[in-house]
PDB file of N, CA and C in Angstrom:
ATOM      1  N   MET A   1      84.501  98.144 115.089  1.00  0.00           N
ATOM      2  CA  MET A   1      84.902  98.558 113.764  1.00  0.00           C
ATOM      3  C   MET A   1      85.377  97.360 112.953  1.00  0.00           C
ATOM      4  N   THR A   2      85.037  97.348 111.686  1.00  0.00           N
ATOM      5  CA  THR A   2      85.434  96.282 110.788  1.00  0.00           C
ATOM      6  C   THR A   2      86.904  96.434 110.416  1.00  0.00           C
ATOM      7  N   THR A   3      87.614  95.310 110.376  1.00  0.00           N
ATOM      8  CA  THR A   3      88.995  95.346 109.928  1.00  0.00           C
ATOM      9  C   THR A   3      89.006  95.459 108.412  1.00  0.00           C
ATOM     10  N   HIS A   4      89.783  96.371 107.911  1.00  0.00           N
ATOM     11  CA  HIS A   4      89.921  96.543 106.471  1.00  0.00           C
ATOM     12  C   HIS A   4      91.220  95.895 106.032  1.00  0.00           C
ATOM     13  N   GLY A   5      91.147  94.586 105.741  1.00  0.00           N
ATOM     14  CA  GLY A   5      92.328  93.831 105.358  1.00  0.00           C
ATOM     15  C   GLY A   5      92.539  93.814 103.858  1.00  0.00           C
ATOM     16  N   ILE A   6      93.765  94.112 103.470  1.00  0.00           N
ATOM     17  CA  ILE A   6      94.148  94.109 102.061  1.00  0.00           C
ATOM     18  C   ILE A   6      95.309  93.145 101.892  1.00  0.00           C
ATOM     19  N   LEU A   7      95.238  92.346 100.844  1.00  0.00           N
ATOM     20  CA  LEU A   7      96.326  91.452 100.491  1.00  0.00           C
ATOM     21  C   LEU A   7      96.889  91.908  99.151  1.00  0.00           C
ATOM     22  N   ILE A   8      98.174  92.196  99.132  1.00  0.00           N
ATOM     23  CA  ILE A   8      98.837  92.609  97.893  1.00  0.00           C
ATOM     24  C   ILE A   8      99.631  91.424  97.366  1.00  0.00           C
ATOM     25  N   ALA A   9      99.257  90.961  96.182  1.00  0.00           N
ATOM     26  CA  ALA A   9      99.902  89.810  95.554  1.00  0.00           C
ATOM     27  C   ALA A   9     100.574  90.275  94.267  1.00  0.00           C
ATOM     28  N   ASP A  10     101.872  90.425  94.340  1.00  0.00           N
ATOM     29  CA  ASP A  10     102.618  90.946  93.200  1.00  0.00           C
ATOM     30  C   ASP A  10     104.038  90.398  93.268  1.00  0.00           C
ATOM     31  N   ASP A  11     104.559  89.933  92.132  1.00  0.00           N
ATOM     32  CA  ASP A  11     105.933  89.428  92.082  1.00  0.00           C
ATOM     33  C   ASP A  11     106.958  90.550  92.206  1.00  0.00           C
ATOM     34  N   ASP A  12     106.565  91.764  91.884  1.00  0.00           N
ATOM     35  CA  ASP A  12     107.465  92.916  91.851  1.00  0.00           C
ATOM     36  C   ASP A  12     107.602  93.508  93.254  1.00  0.00           C
ATOM     37  N   LEU A  13     108.768  93.302  93.877  1.00  0.00           N
ATOM     38  CA  LEU A  13     109.013  93.756  95.243  1.00  0.00           C
ATOM     39  C   LEU A  13     108.826  95.262  95.390  1.00  0.00           C
ATOM     40  N   VAL A  14     109.332  96.027  94.439  1.00  0.00           N
ATOM     41  CA  VAL A  14     109.234  97.491  94.521  1.00  0.00           C
ATOM     42  C   VAL A  14     107.764  97.928  94.455  1.00  0.00           C
ATOM     43  N   ALA A  15     107.007  97.351  93.540  1.00  0.00           N
ATOM     44  CA  ALA A  15     105.581  97.697  93.410  1.00  0.00           C
ATOM     45  C   ALA A  15     104.804  97.304  94.665  1.00  0.00           C
ATOM     46  N   ARG A  16     105.099  96.104  95.201  1.00  0.00           N
ATOM     47  CA  ARG A  16     104.432  95.647  96.435  1.00  0.00           C
ATOM     48  C   ARG A  16     104.679  96.618  97.569  1.00  0.00           C
ATOM     49  N   LYS A  17     105.936  96.998  97.750  1.00  0.00           N
ATOM     50  CA  LYS A  17     106.287  97.900  98.852  1.00  0.00           C
ATOM     51  C   LYS A  17     105.621  99.259  98.683  1.00  0.00           C
ATOM     52  N   LYS A  18     105.625  99.774  97.481  1.00  0.00           N
ATOM     53  CA  LYS A  18     105.024 101.086  97.224  1.00  0.00           C
ATOM     54  C   LYS A  18     103.520 101.068  97.525  1.00  0.00           C
ATOM     55  N   MET A  19     102.823 100.034  97.034  1.00  0.00           N
ATOM     56  CA  MET A  19     101.385  99.932  97.301  1.00  0.00           C
ATOM     57  C   MET A  19     101.122  99.734  98.793  1.00  0.00           C
ATOM     58  N   ALA A  20     101.927  98.883  99.435  1.00  0.00           N
ATOM     59  CA  ALA A  20     101.742  98.620 100.866  1.00  0.00           C
ATOM     60  C   ALA A  20     101.945  99.885 101.687  1.00  0.00           C
ATOM     61  N   ASP A  21     103.020 100.609 101.414  1.00  0.00           N
ATOM     62  CA  ASP A  21     103.287 101.842 102.160  1.00  0.00           C
ATOM     63  C   ASP A  21     102.140 102.839 101.999  1.00  0.00           C
ATOM     64  N   GLN A  22     101.668 102.973 100.788  1.00  0.00           N
ATOM     65  CA  GLN A  22     100.568 103.903 100.495  1.00  0.00           C
ATOM     66  C   GLN A  22      99.311 103.523 101.273  1.00  0.00           C
ATOM     67  N   LEU A  23      98.956 102.239 101.257  1.00  0.00           N
ATOM     68  CA  LEU A  23      97.707 101.805 101.887  1.00  0.00           C
ATOM     69  C   LEU A  23      97.817 101.734 103.409  1.00  0.00           C
ATOM     70  N   ILE A  24      98.990 101.409 103.920  1.00  0.00           N
ATOM     71  CA  ILE A  24      99.198 101.430 105.372  1.00  0.00           C
ATOM     72  C   ILE A  24      99.036 102.858 105.887  1.00  0.00           C
ATOM     73  N   SER A  25      99.588 103.820 105.145  1.00  0.00           N
ATOM     74  CA  SER A  25      99.460 105.220 105.568  1.00  0.00           C
ATOM     75  C   SER A  25      98.005 105.695 105.514  1.00  0.00           C
ATOM     76  N   ASP A  26      97.174 105.006 104.720  1.00  0.00           N
ATOM     77  CA  ASP A  26      95.743 105.314 104.662  1.00  0.00           C
ATOM     78  C   ASP A  26      94.956 104.613 105.770  1.00  0.00           C
ATOM     79  N   GLY A  27      95.645 103.796 106.587  1.00  0.00           N
ATOM     80  CA  GLY A  27      94.996 103.166 107.728  1.00  0.00           C
ATOM     81  C   GLY A  27      94.515 101.743 107.517  1.00  0.00           C
ATOM     82  N   TYR A  28      94.880 101.116 106.411  1.00  0.00           N
ATOM     83  CA  TYR A  28      94.452  99.740 106.152  1.00  0.00           C
ATOM     84  C   TYR A  28      95.438  98.750 106.758  1.00  0.00           C
ATOM     85  N   GLN A  29      94.934  97.549 107.046  1.00  0.00           N
ATOM     86  CA  GLN A  29      95.790  96.445 107.472  1.00  0.00           C
ATOM     87  C   GLN A  29      96.248  95.747 106.206  1.00  0.00           C
ATOM     88  N   VAL A  30      97.518  95.753 105.932  1.00  0.00           N
ATOM     89  CA  VAL A  30      98.046  95.258 104.666  1.00  0.00           C
ATOM     90  C   VAL A  30      98.960  94.063 104.884  1.00  0.00           C
ATOM     91  N   THR A  31      98.742  93.029 104.081  1.00  0.00           N
ATOM     92  CA  THR A  31      99.615  91.867 104.027  1.00  0.00           C
ATOM     93  C   THR A  31     100.145  91.788 102.605  1.00  0.00           C
ATOM     94  N   VAL A  32     101.404  91.463 102.456  1.00  0.00           N
ATOM     95  CA  VAL A  32     101.971  91.299 101.115  1.00  0.00           C
ATOM     96  C   VAL A  32     102.451  89.866 100.942  1.00  0.00           C
ATOM     97  N   THR A  33     102.387  89.393  99.709  1.00  0.00           N
ATOM     98  CA  THR A  33     102.857  88.045  99.415  1.00  0.00           C
ATOM     99  C   THR A  33     103.368  87.983  97.991  1.00  0.00           C
ATOM    100  N   ASN A  34     104.248  87.022  97.773  1.00  0.00           N
ATOM    101  CA  ASN A  34     104.697  86.762  96.418  1.00  0.00           C
ATOM    102  C   ASN A  34     104.503  85.284  96.087  1.00  0.00           C
ATOM    103  N   SER A  35     103.574  84.632  96.816  1.00  0.00           N
ATOM    104  CA  SER A  35     103.301  83.218  96.556  1.00  0.00           C
ATOM    105  C   SER A  35     101.808  82.946  96.463  1.00  0.00           C
ATOM    106  N   ILE A  36     101.470  81.957  95.658  1.00  0.00           N
ATOM    107  CA  ILE A  36     100.080  81.521  95.524  1.00  0.00           C
ATOM    108  C   ILE A  36      99.559  81.043  96.884  1.00  0.00           C
ATOM    109  N   ALA A  37     100.413  80.331  97.630  1.00  0.00           N
ATOM    110  CA  ALA A  37     100.008  79.823  98.944  1.00  0.00           C
ATOM    111  C   ALA A  37      99.579  80.968  99.862  1.00  0.00           C
ATOM    112  N   GLY A  38     100.317  82.072  99.837  1.00  0.00           N
ATOM    113  CA  GLY A  38      99.972  83.228 100.660  1.00  0.00           C
ATOM    114  C   GLY A  38      98.637  83.840 100.263  1.00  0.00           C
ATOM    115  N   VAL A  39      98.380  83.900  98.980  1.00  0.00           N
ATOM    116  CA  VAL A  39      97.106  84.447  98.498  1.00  0.00           C
ATOM    117  C   VAL A  39      95.951  83.544  98.920  1.00  0.00           C
ATOM    118  N   LEU A  40      96.116  82.251  98.726  1.00  0.00           N
ATOM    119  CA  LEU A  40      95.043  81.315  99.093  1.00  0.00           C
ATOM    120  C   LEU A  40      94.798  81.322 100.598  1.00  0.00           C
ATOM    121  N   TYR A  41      95.856  81.369 101.392  1.00  0.00           N
ATOM    122  CA  TYR A  41      95.713  81.406 102.843  1.00  0.00           C
ATOM    123  C   TYR A  41      94.926  82.645 103.275  1.00  0.00           C
ATOM    124  N   GLY A  42      95.327  83.810 102.779  1.00  0.00           N
ATOM    125  CA  GLY A  42      94.632  85.051 103.127  1.00  0.00           C
ATOM    126  C   GLY A  42      93.179  85.054 102.682  1.00  0.00           C
ATOM    127  N   THR A  43      92.914  84.410 101.554  1.00  0.00           N
ATOM    128  CA  THR A  43      91.545  84.343 101.034  1.00  0.00           C
ATOM    129  C   THR A  43      90.688  83.376 101.844  1.00  0.00           C
ATOM    130  N   LEU A  44      91.229  82.198 102.108  1.00  0.00           N
ATOM    131  CA  LEU A  44      90.476  81.186 102.864  1.00  0.00           C
ATOM    132  C   LEU A  44      90.232  81.611 104.310  1.00  0.00           C
ATOM    133  N   LYS A  45      91.213  82.239 104.940  1.00  0.00           N
ATOM    134  CA  LYS A  45      91.074  82.684 106.330  1.00  0.00           C
ATOM    135  C   LYS A  45      90.300  83.997 106.443  1.00  0.00           C
ATOM    136  N   LYS A  46      89.999  84.586 105.274  1.00  0.00           N
ATOM    137  CA  LYS A  46      89.245  85.836 105.197  1.00  0.00           C
ATOM    138  C   LYS A  46      89.911  86.968 105.987  1.00  0.00           C
ATOM    139  N   THR A  47      91.257  86.943 106.012  1.00  0.00           N
ATOM    140  CA  THR A  47      91.980  88.047 106.640  1.00  0.00           C
ATOM    141  C   THR A  47      91.993  89.258 105.717  1.00  0.00           C
ATOM    142  N   ALA A  48      91.740  89.015 104.445  1.00  0.00           N
ATOM    143  CA  ALA A  48      91.697  90.107 103.470  1.00  0.00           C
ATOM    144  C   ALA A  48      90.336  90.129 102.801  1.00  0.00           C
ATOM    145  N   GLN A  49      89.760  91.311 102.740  1.00  0.00           N
ATOM    146  CA  GLN A  49      88.499  91.480 102.014  1.00  0.00           C
ATOM    147  C   GLN A  49      88.761  91.992 100.603  1.00  0.00           C
ATOM    148  N   VAL A  50      89.941  92.573 100.415  1.00  0.00           N
ATOM    149  CA  VAL A  50      90.334  93.111  99.114  1.00  0.00           C
ATOM    150  C   VAL A  50      91.707  92.562  98.757  1.00  0.00           C
ATOM    151  N   VAL A  51      91.836  92.081  97.520  1.00  0.00           N
ATOM    152  CA  VAL A  51      93.119  91.592  97.019  1.00  0.00           C
ATOM    153  C   VAL A  51      93.540  92.462  95.846  1.00  0.00           C
ATOM    154  N   LEU A  52      94.774  92.960  95.911  1.00  0.00           N
ATOM    155  CA  LEU A  52      95.371  93.667  94.783  1.00  0.00           C
ATOM    156  C   LEU A  52      96.255  92.654  94.083  1.00  0.00           C
ATOM    157  N   LEU A  53      95.921  92.324  92.856  1.00  0.00           N
ATOM    158  CA  LEU A  53      96.560  91.230  92.134  1.00  0.00           C
ATOM    159  C   LEU A  53      97.213  91.735  90.859  1.00  0.00           C
ATOM    160  N   SER A  54      98.481  91.380  90.659  1.00  0.00           N
ATOM    161  CA  SER A  54      99.154  91.769  89.415  1.00  0.00           C
ATOM    162  C   SER A  54      98.722  90.838  88.285  1.00  0.00           C
ATOM    163  N   LYS A  55      99.037  91.233  87.026  1.00  0.00           N
ATOM    164  CA  LYS A  55      98.531  90.476  85.872  1.00  0.00           C
ATOM    165  C   LYS A  55      99.099  89.071  85.779  1.00  0.00           C
ATOM    166  N   LYS A  56     100.324  88.884  86.246  1.00  0.00           N
ATOM    167  CA  LYS A  56     100.914  87.552  86.290  1.00  0.00           C
ATOM    168  C   LYS A  56     101.541  87.407  87.650  1.00  0.00           C
ATOM    169  N   PHE A  57     101.242  86.296  88.279  1.00  0.00           N
ATOM    170  CA  PHE A  57     101.673  86.135  89.661  1.00  0.00           C
ATOM    171  C   PHE A  57     102.099  84.702  89.890  1.00  0.00           C
ATOM    172  N   ASP A  58     103.331  84.521  90.361  1.00  0.00           N
ATOM    173  CA  ASP A  58     103.836  83.185  90.696  1.00  0.00           C
ATOM    174  C   ASP A  58     103.615  82.210  89.535  1.00  0.00           C
ATOM    175  N   GLU A  59     103.943  82.675  88.332  1.00  0.00           N
ATOM    176  CA  GLU A  59     103.841  81.889  87.093  1.00  0.00           C
ATOM    177  C   GLU A  59     102.415  81.611  86.624  1.00  0.00           C
ATOM    178  N   LEU A  60     101.416  82.178  87.258  1.00  0.00           N
ATOM    179  CA  LEU A  60     100.023  82.034  86.816  1.00  0.00           C
ATOM    180  C   LEU A  60      99.508  83.382  86.341  1.00  0.00           C
ATOM    181  N   ALA A  61      98.747  83.359  85.262  1.00  0.00           N
ATOM    182  CA  ALA A  61      98.089  84.588  84.824  1.00  0.00           C
ATOM    183  C   ALA A  61      96.969  84.908  85.807  1.00  0.00           C
ATOM    184  N   ALA A  62      96.717  86.167  86.027  1.00  0.00           N
ATOM    185  CA  ALA A  62      95.657  86.582  86.950  1.00  0.00           C
ATOM    186  C   ALA A  62      94.323  85.961  86.554  1.00  0.00           C
ATOM    187  N   THR A  63      94.076  85.849  85.250  1.00  0.00           N
ATOM    188  CA  THR A  63      92.797  85.297  84.795  1.00  0.00           C
ATOM    189  C   THR A  63      92.643  83.822  85.171  1.00  0.00           C
ATOM    190  N   GLU A  64      93.747  83.133  85.463  1.00  0.00           N
ATOM    191  CA  GLU A  64      93.669  81.753  85.948  1.00  0.00           C
ATOM    192  C   GLU A  64      93.439  81.711  87.458  1.00  0.00           C
ATOM    193  N   LEU A  65      93.947  82.695  88.151  1.00  0.00           N
ATOM    194  CA  LEU A  65      93.865  82.726  89.610  1.00  0.00           C
ATOM    195  C   LEU A  65      92.543  83.307  90.122  1.00  0.00           C
ATOM    196  N   ILE A  66      91.984  84.256  89.400  1.00  0.00           N
ATOM    197  CA  ILE A  66      90.765  84.938  89.855  1.00  0.00           C
ATOM    198  C   ILE A  66      89.621  83.960  90.140  1.00  0.00           C
ATOM    199  N   PRO A  67      89.294  83.018  89.231  1.00  0.00           N
ATOM    200  CA  PRO A  67      88.177  82.105  89.544  1.00  0.00           C
ATOM    201  C   PRO A  67      88.435  81.244  90.777  1.00  0.00           C
ATOM    202  N   ILE A  68      89.685  80.876  91.025  1.00  0.00           N
ATOM    203  CA  ILE A  68      90.018  80.084  92.213  1.00  0.00           C
ATOM    204  C   ILE A  68      89.767  80.902  93.473  1.00  0.00           C
ATOM    205  N   LEU A  69      90.210  82.154  93.464  1.00  0.00           N
ATOM    206  CA  LEU A  69      90.005  83.025  94.622  1.00  0.00           C
ATOM    207  C   LEU A  69      88.526  83.272  94.865  1.00  0.00           C
ATOM    208  N   LYS A  70      87.760  83.466  93.791  1.00  0.00           N
ATOM    209  CA  LYS A  70      86.321  83.700  93.936  1.00  0.00           C
ATOM    210  C   LYS A  70      85.606  82.459  94.474  1.00  0.00           C
ATOM    211  N   GLN A  71      86.119  81.264  94.155  1.00  0.00           N
ATOM    212  CA  GLN A  71      85.534  80.044  94.717  1.00  0.00           C
ATOM    213  C   GLN A  71      85.825  79.944  96.211  1.00  0.00           C
ATOM    214  N   CYS A  72      86.990  80.422  96.625  1.00  0.00           N
ATOM    215  CA  CYS A  72      87.348  80.405  98.053  1.00  0.00           C
ATOM    216  C   CYS A  72      86.522  81.401  98.856  1.00  0.00           C
ATOM    217  N   ASN A  73      86.229  82.548  98.261  1.00  0.00           N
ATOM    218  CA  ASN A  73      85.464  83.594  98.942  1.00  0.00           C
ATOM    219  C   ASN A  73      84.752  84.423  97.869  1.00  0.00           C
ATOM    220  N   ARG A  74      83.480  84.147  97.668  1.00  0.00           N
ATOM    221  CA  ARG A  74      82.758  84.812  96.575  1.00  0.00           C
ATOM    222  C   ARG A  74      82.557  86.306  96.813  1.00  0.00           C
ATOM    223  N   HIS A  75      82.722  86.774  98.051  1.00  0.00           N
ATOM    224  CA  HIS A  75      82.562  88.203  98.358  1.00  0.00           C
ATOM    225  C   HIS A  75      83.877  88.978  98.228  1.00  0.00           C
ATOM    226  N   LEU A  76      84.960  88.266  97.950  1.00  0.00           N
ATOM    227  CA  LEU A  76      86.265  88.893  97.829  1.00  0.00           C
ATOM    228  C   LEU A  76      86.261  89.932  96.714  1.00  0.00           C
ATOM    229  N   LYS A  77      86.821  91.087  97.015  1.00  0.00           N
ATOM    230  CA  LYS A  77      86.951  92.149  96.011  1.00  0.00           C
ATOM    231  C   LYS A  77      88.372  92.070  95.457  1.00  0.00           C
ATOM    232  N   ILE A  78      88.474  91.803  94.163  1.00  0.00           N
ATOM    233  CA  ILE A  78      89.778  91.675  93.515  1.00  0.00           C
ATOM    234  C   ILE A  78      89.997  92.887  92.624  1.00  0.00           C
ATOM    235  N   ILE A  79      91.087  93.585  92.892  1.00  0.00           N
ATOM    236  CA  ILE A  79      91.482  94.717  92.054  1.00  0.00           C
ATOM    237  C   ILE A  79      92.703  94.272  91.263  1.00  0.00           C
ATOM    238  N   LEU A  80      92.540  94.186  89.965  1.00  0.00           N
ATOM    239  CA  LEU A  80      93.634  93.810  89.086  1.00  0.00           C
ATOM    240  C   LEU A  80      94.487  95.049  88.858  1.00  0.00           C
ATOM    241  N   VAL A  81      95.751  94.979  89.244  1.00  0.00           N
ATOM    242  CA  VAL A  81      96.657  96.124  89.131  1.00  0.00           C
ATOM    243  C   VAL A  81      97.662  95.812  88.024  1.00  0.00           C
ATOM    244  N   ALA A  82      97.414  96.380  86.853  1.00  0.00           N
ATOM    245  CA  ALA A  82      98.268  96.074  85.707  1.00  0.00           C
ATOM    246  C   ALA A  82      98.125  97.146  84.644  1.00  0.00           C
ATOM    247  N   SER A  83      99.229  97.454  84.009  1.00  0.00           N
ATOM    248  CA  SER A  83      99.218  98.374  82.870  1.00  0.00           C
ATOM    249  C   SER A  83      99.379  97.556  81.597  1.00  0.00           C
ATOM    250  N   GLU A  84      98.979  98.132  80.506  1.00  0.00           N
ATOM    251  CA  GLU A  84      99.190  97.534  79.192  1.00  0.00           C
ATOM    252  C   GLU A  84      98.709  96.100  79.083  1.00  0.00           C
ATOM    253  N   LEU A  85      97.453  95.879  79.366  1.00  0.00           N
ATOM    254  CA  LEU A  85      96.856  94.555  79.176  1.00  0.00           C
ATOM    255  C   LEU A  85      96.075  94.537  77.873  1.00  0.00           C
ATOM    256  N   PRO A  86      96.139  93.419  77.148  1.00  0.00           N
ATOM    257  CA  PRO A  86      95.282  93.314  75.965  1.00  0.00           C
ATOM    258  C   PRO A  86      93.808  93.350  76.382  1.00  0.00           C
ATOM    259  N   LEU A  87      92.991  93.930  75.545  1.00  0.00           N
ATOM    260  CA  LEU A  87      91.565  94.055  75.835  1.00  0.00           C
ATOM    261  C   LEU A  87      90.930  92.705  76.125  1.00  0.00           C
ATOM    262  N   SER A  88      91.365  91.662  75.432  1.00  0.00           N
ATOM    263  CA  SER A  88      90.805  90.320  75.651  1.00  0.00           C
ATOM    264  C   SER A  88      91.057  89.839  77.083  1.00  0.00           C
ATOM    265  N   LEU A  89      92.236  90.153  77.637  1.00  0.00           N
ATOM    266  CA  LEU A  89      92.527  89.756  79.023  1.00  0.00           C
ATOM    267  C   LEU A  89      91.707  90.572  80.021  1.00  0.00           C
ATOM    268  N   ILE A  90      91.517  91.840  79.739  1.00  0.00           N
ATOM    269  CA  ILE A  90      90.697  92.672  80.622  1.00  0.00           C
ATOM    270  C   ILE A  90      89.259  92.154  80.626  1.00  0.00           C
ATOM    271  N   ARG A  91      88.746  91.828  79.452  1.00  0.00           N
ATOM    272  CA  ARG A  91      87.380  91.276  79.366  1.00  0.00           C
ATOM    273  C   ARG A  91      87.269  89.967  80.132  1.00  0.00           C
ATOM    274  N   LYS A  92      88.258  89.097  79.980  1.00  0.00           N
ATOM    275  CA  LYS A  92      88.231  87.812  80.687  1.00  0.00           C
ATOM    276  C   LYS A  92      88.273  88.041  82.199  1.00  0.00           C
ATOM    277  N   ALA A  93      89.138  88.938  82.653  1.00  0.00           N
ATOM    278  CA  ALA A  93      89.226  89.225  84.093  1.00  0.00           C
ATOM    279  C   ALA A  93      87.899  89.765  84.612  1.00  0.00           C
ATOM    280  N   ARG A  94      87.266  90.629  83.841  1.00  0.00           N
ATOM    281  CA  ARG A  94      85.958  91.158  84.258  1.00  0.00           C
ATOM    282  C   ARG A  94      84.913  90.053  84.324  1.00  0.00           C
ATOM    283  N   SER A  95      84.926  89.157  83.352  1.00  0.00           N
ATOM    284  CA  SER A  95      83.947  88.068  83.359  1.00  0.00           C
ATOM    285  C   SER A  95      84.185  87.106  84.518  1.00  0.00           C
ATOM    286  N   GLU A  96      85.433  87.028  84.987  1.00  0.00           N
ATOM    287  CA  GLU A  96      85.761  86.162  86.130  1.00  0.00           C
ATOM    288  C   GLU A  96      85.391  86.811  87.457  1.00  0.00           C
ATOM    289  N   GLY A  97      85.101  88.107  87.444  1.00  0.00           N
ATOM    290  CA  GLY A  97      84.592  88.734  88.658  1.00  0.00           C
ATOM    291  C   GLY A  97      85.509  89.715  89.357  1.00  0.00           C
ATOM    292  N   ILE A  98      86.428  90.364  88.629  1.00  0.00           N
ATOM    293  CA  ILE A  98      87.233  91.380  89.306  1.00  0.00           C
ATOM    294  C   ILE A  98      86.332  92.557  89.684  1.00  0.00           C
ATOM    295  N   PHE A  99      86.724  93.256  90.721  1.00  0.00           N
ATOM    296  CA  PHE A  99      85.988  94.443  91.147  1.00  0.00           C
ATOM    297  C   PHE A  99      86.383  95.646  90.304  1.00  0.00           C
ATOM    298  N   TYR A 100      87.690  95.728  89.989  1.00  0.00           N
ATOM    299  CA  TYR A 100      88.189  96.907  89.280  1.00  0.00           C
ATOM    300  C   TYR A 100      89.524  96.576  88.641  1.00  0.00           C
ATOM    301  N   HIS A 101      89.838  97.286  87.568  1.00  0.00           N
ATOM    302  CA  HIS A 101      91.161  97.201  86.940  1.00  0.00           C
ATOM    303  C   HIS A 101      91.832  98.553  87.121  1.00  0.00           C
ATOM    304  N   ALA A 102      92.914  98.584  87.902  1.00  0.00           N
ATOM    305  CA  ALA A 102      93.658  99.824  88.150  1.00  0.00           C
ATOM    306  C   ALA A 102      95.000  99.754  87.434  1.00  0.00           C
ATOM    307  N   LEU A 103      95.489 100.918  87.058  1.00  0.00           N
ATOM    308  CA  LEU A 103      96.812 100.985  86.442  1.00  0.00           C
ATOM    309  C   LEU A 103      97.880 100.772  87.508  1.00  0.00           C
ATOM    310  N   LYS A 104      98.956 100.119  87.114  1.00  0.00           N
ATOM    311  CA  LYS A 104     100.081  99.939  88.022  1.00  0.00           C
ATOM    312  C   LYS A 104     100.613 101.325  88.389  1.00  0.00           C
ATOM    313  N   THR A 105     100.809 101.564  89.671  1.00  0.00           N
ATOM    314  CA  THR A 105     101.191 102.896  90.111  1.00  0.00           C
ATOM    315  C   THR A 105     102.546 103.293  89.561  1.00  0.00           C
ATOM    316  N   GLY A 106     102.604 104.480  89.089  1.00  0.00           N
ATOM    317  CA  GLY A 106     103.833 105.031  88.571  1.00  0.00           C
ATOM    318  C   GLY A 106     103.762 106.545  88.689  1.00  0.00           C
ATOM    319  N   GLN A 107     102.582 107.055  88.473  1.00  0.00           N
ATOM    320  CA  GLN A 107     102.328 108.488  88.554  1.00  0.00           C
ATOM    321  C   GLN A 107     101.415 108.758  89.753  1.00  0.00           C
ATOM    322  N   PRO A 108     101.459 109.970  90.314  1.00  0.00           N
ATOM    323  CA  PRO A 108     100.591 110.302  91.456  1.00  0.00           C
ATOM    324  C   PRO A 108      99.106 110.071  91.166  1.00  0.00           C
ATOM    325  N   GLU A 109      98.660 110.327  89.933  1.00  0.00           N
ATOM    326  CA  GLU A 109      97.242 110.109  89.619  1.00  0.00           C
ATOM    327  C   GLU A 109      96.886 108.620  89.640  1.00  0.00           C
ATOM    328  N   ASP A 110      97.858 107.744  89.327  1.00  0.00           N
ATOM    329  CA  ASP A 110      97.626 106.307  89.417  1.00  0.00           C
ATOM    330  C   ASP A 110      97.442 105.894  90.876  1.00  0.00           C
ATOM    331  N   GLU A 111      98.228 106.487  91.774  1.00  0.00           N
ATOM    332  CA  GLU A 111      98.096 106.184  93.198  1.00  0.00           C
ATOM    333  C   GLU A 111      96.722 106.588  93.708  1.00  0.00           C
ATOM    334  N   GLU A 112      96.234 107.728  93.248  1.00  0.00           N
ATOM    335  CA  GLU A 112      94.910 108.191  93.676  1.00  0.00           C
ATOM    336  C   GLU A 112      93.829 107.255  93.148  1.00  0.00           C
ATOM    337  N   GLU A 113      94.011 106.768  91.925  1.00  0.00           N
ATOM    338  CA  GLU A 113      93.050 105.822  91.351  1.00  0.00           C
ATOM    339  C   GLU A 113      92.982 104.552  92.200  1.00  0.00           C
ATOM    340  N   LEU A 114      94.133 104.056  92.616  1.00  0.00           N
ATOM    341  CA  LEU A 114      94.180 102.848  93.433  1.00  0.00           C
ATOM    342  C   LEU A 114      93.523 103.087  94.790  1.00  0.00           C
ATOM    343  N   ARG A 115      93.817 104.218  95.411  1.00  0.00           N
ATOM    344  CA  ARG A 115      93.186 104.571  96.703  1.00  0.00           C
ATOM    345  C   ARG A 115      91.665 104.587  96.579  1.00  0.00           C
ATOM    346  N   GLU A 116      91.180 105.207  95.525  1.00  0.00           N
ATOM    347  CA  GLU A 116      89.735 105.318  95.301  1.00  0.00           C
ATOM    348  C   GLU A 116      89.108 103.942  95.063  1.00  0.00           C
ATOM    349  N   ALA A 117      89.783 103.106  94.289  1.00  0.00           N
ATOM    350  CA  ALA A 117      89.271 101.756  94.019  1.00  0.00           C
ATOM    351  C   ALA A 117      89.176 100.948  95.313  1.00  0.00           C
ATOM    352  N   VAL A 118      90.199 101.048  96.161  1.00  0.00           N
ATOM    353  CA  VAL A 118      90.196 100.323  97.437  1.00  0.00           C
ATOM    354  C   VAL A 118      89.071 100.849  98.332  1.00  0.00           C
ATOM    355  N   ARG A 119      88.934 102.165  98.404  1.00  0.00           N
ATOM    356  CA  ARG A 119      87.880 102.759  99.230  1.00  0.00           C
ATOM    357  C   ARG A 119      86.493 102.278  98.767  1.00  0.00           C
ATOM    358  N   CYS A 120      86.272 102.277  97.473  1.00  0.00           N
ATOM    359  CA  CYS A 120      84.983 101.828  96.925  1.00  0.00           C
ATOM    360  C   CYS A 120      84.747 100.344  97.187  1.00  0.00           C
ATOM    361  N   ALA A 121      85.800  99.547  97.111  1.00  0.00           N
ATOM    362  CA  ALA A 121      85.672  98.111  97.374  1.00  0.00           C
ATOM    363  C   ALA A 121      85.220  97.865  98.809  1.00  0.00           C
ATOM    364  N   PHE A 122      85.801  98.608  99.761  1.00  0.00           N
ATOM    365  CA  PHE A 122      85.391  98.436 101.151  1.00  0.00           C
ATOM    366  C   PHE A 122      83.984  98.967 101.396  1.00  0.00           C
ATOM    367  N   GLU A 123      83.605 100.032 100.730  1.00  0.00           N
ATOM    368  CA  GLU A 123      82.231 100.538 100.858  1.00  0.00           C
ATOM    369  C   GLU A 123      81.238  99.488 100.389  1.00  0.00           C
ATOM    370  N   GLN A 124      81.530  98.852  99.262  1.00  0.00           N
ATOM    371  CA  GLN A 124      80.628  97.821  98.760  1.00  0.00           C
ATOM    372  C   GLN A 124      80.611  96.624  99.690  1.00  0.00           C
ATOM    373  N   GLU A 125      81.771  96.259 100.246  1.00  0.00           N
ATOM    374  CA  GLU A 125      81.872  95.150 101.193  1.00  0.00           C
ATOM    375  C   GLU A 125      80.981  95.409 102.411  1.00  0.00           C
ATOM    376  N   GLU A 126      81.010  96.635 102.932  1.00  0.00           N
ATOM    377  CA  GLU A 126      80.209  96.970 104.113  1.00  0.00           C
ATOM    378  C   GLU A 126      78.723  96.937 103.798  1.00  0.00           C
ATOM    379  N   LYS A 127      78.339  97.311 102.590  1.00  0.00           N
ATOM    380  CA  LYS A 127      76.915  97.260 102.192  1.00  0.00           C
ATOM    381  C   LYS A 127      76.423  95.825 102.108  1.00  0.00           C
ATOM    382  N   GLN A 128      77.311  94.884 101.734  1.00  0.00           N
ATOM    383  CA  GLN A 128      76.927  93.481 101.599  1.00  0.00           C
ATOM    384  C   GLN A 128      76.746  92.813 102.964  1.00  0.00           C
ATOM    385  N   ASN A 129      77.402  93.324 103.986  1.00  0.00           N
ATOM    386  CA  ASN A 129      77.326  92.707 105.322  1.00  0.00           C
ATOM    387  C   ASN A 129      76.239  93.277 106.162  1.00  0.00           C
TER     388      ASN A 129
END
């Protein structure tokens, strides 16, 4: 069986814990980090096939970090988890290669959206291999 590794990169401790608890209960292997070094390590070592990335992380905008992560692993599925983003930033993130833009969890329907996005990301990952 393929390991379904998820890396959650978010400065917000409460949001990280909530997403991690949700995805662990769904059976995924979850790593959390609040540093760029942790994200790069998980990406380079390919311990994570899916990264949940907040809009700003460790003083870098997600749109600055996404191309770096894609250079480290072009098959990486990046789910941008952010509410209230300007349309220009969403367009830039999409052009950089995000897999999906999910709303930051706050309501039960947001949690379901995130679960579905992660499930779809792994389905696409398995089709590529």
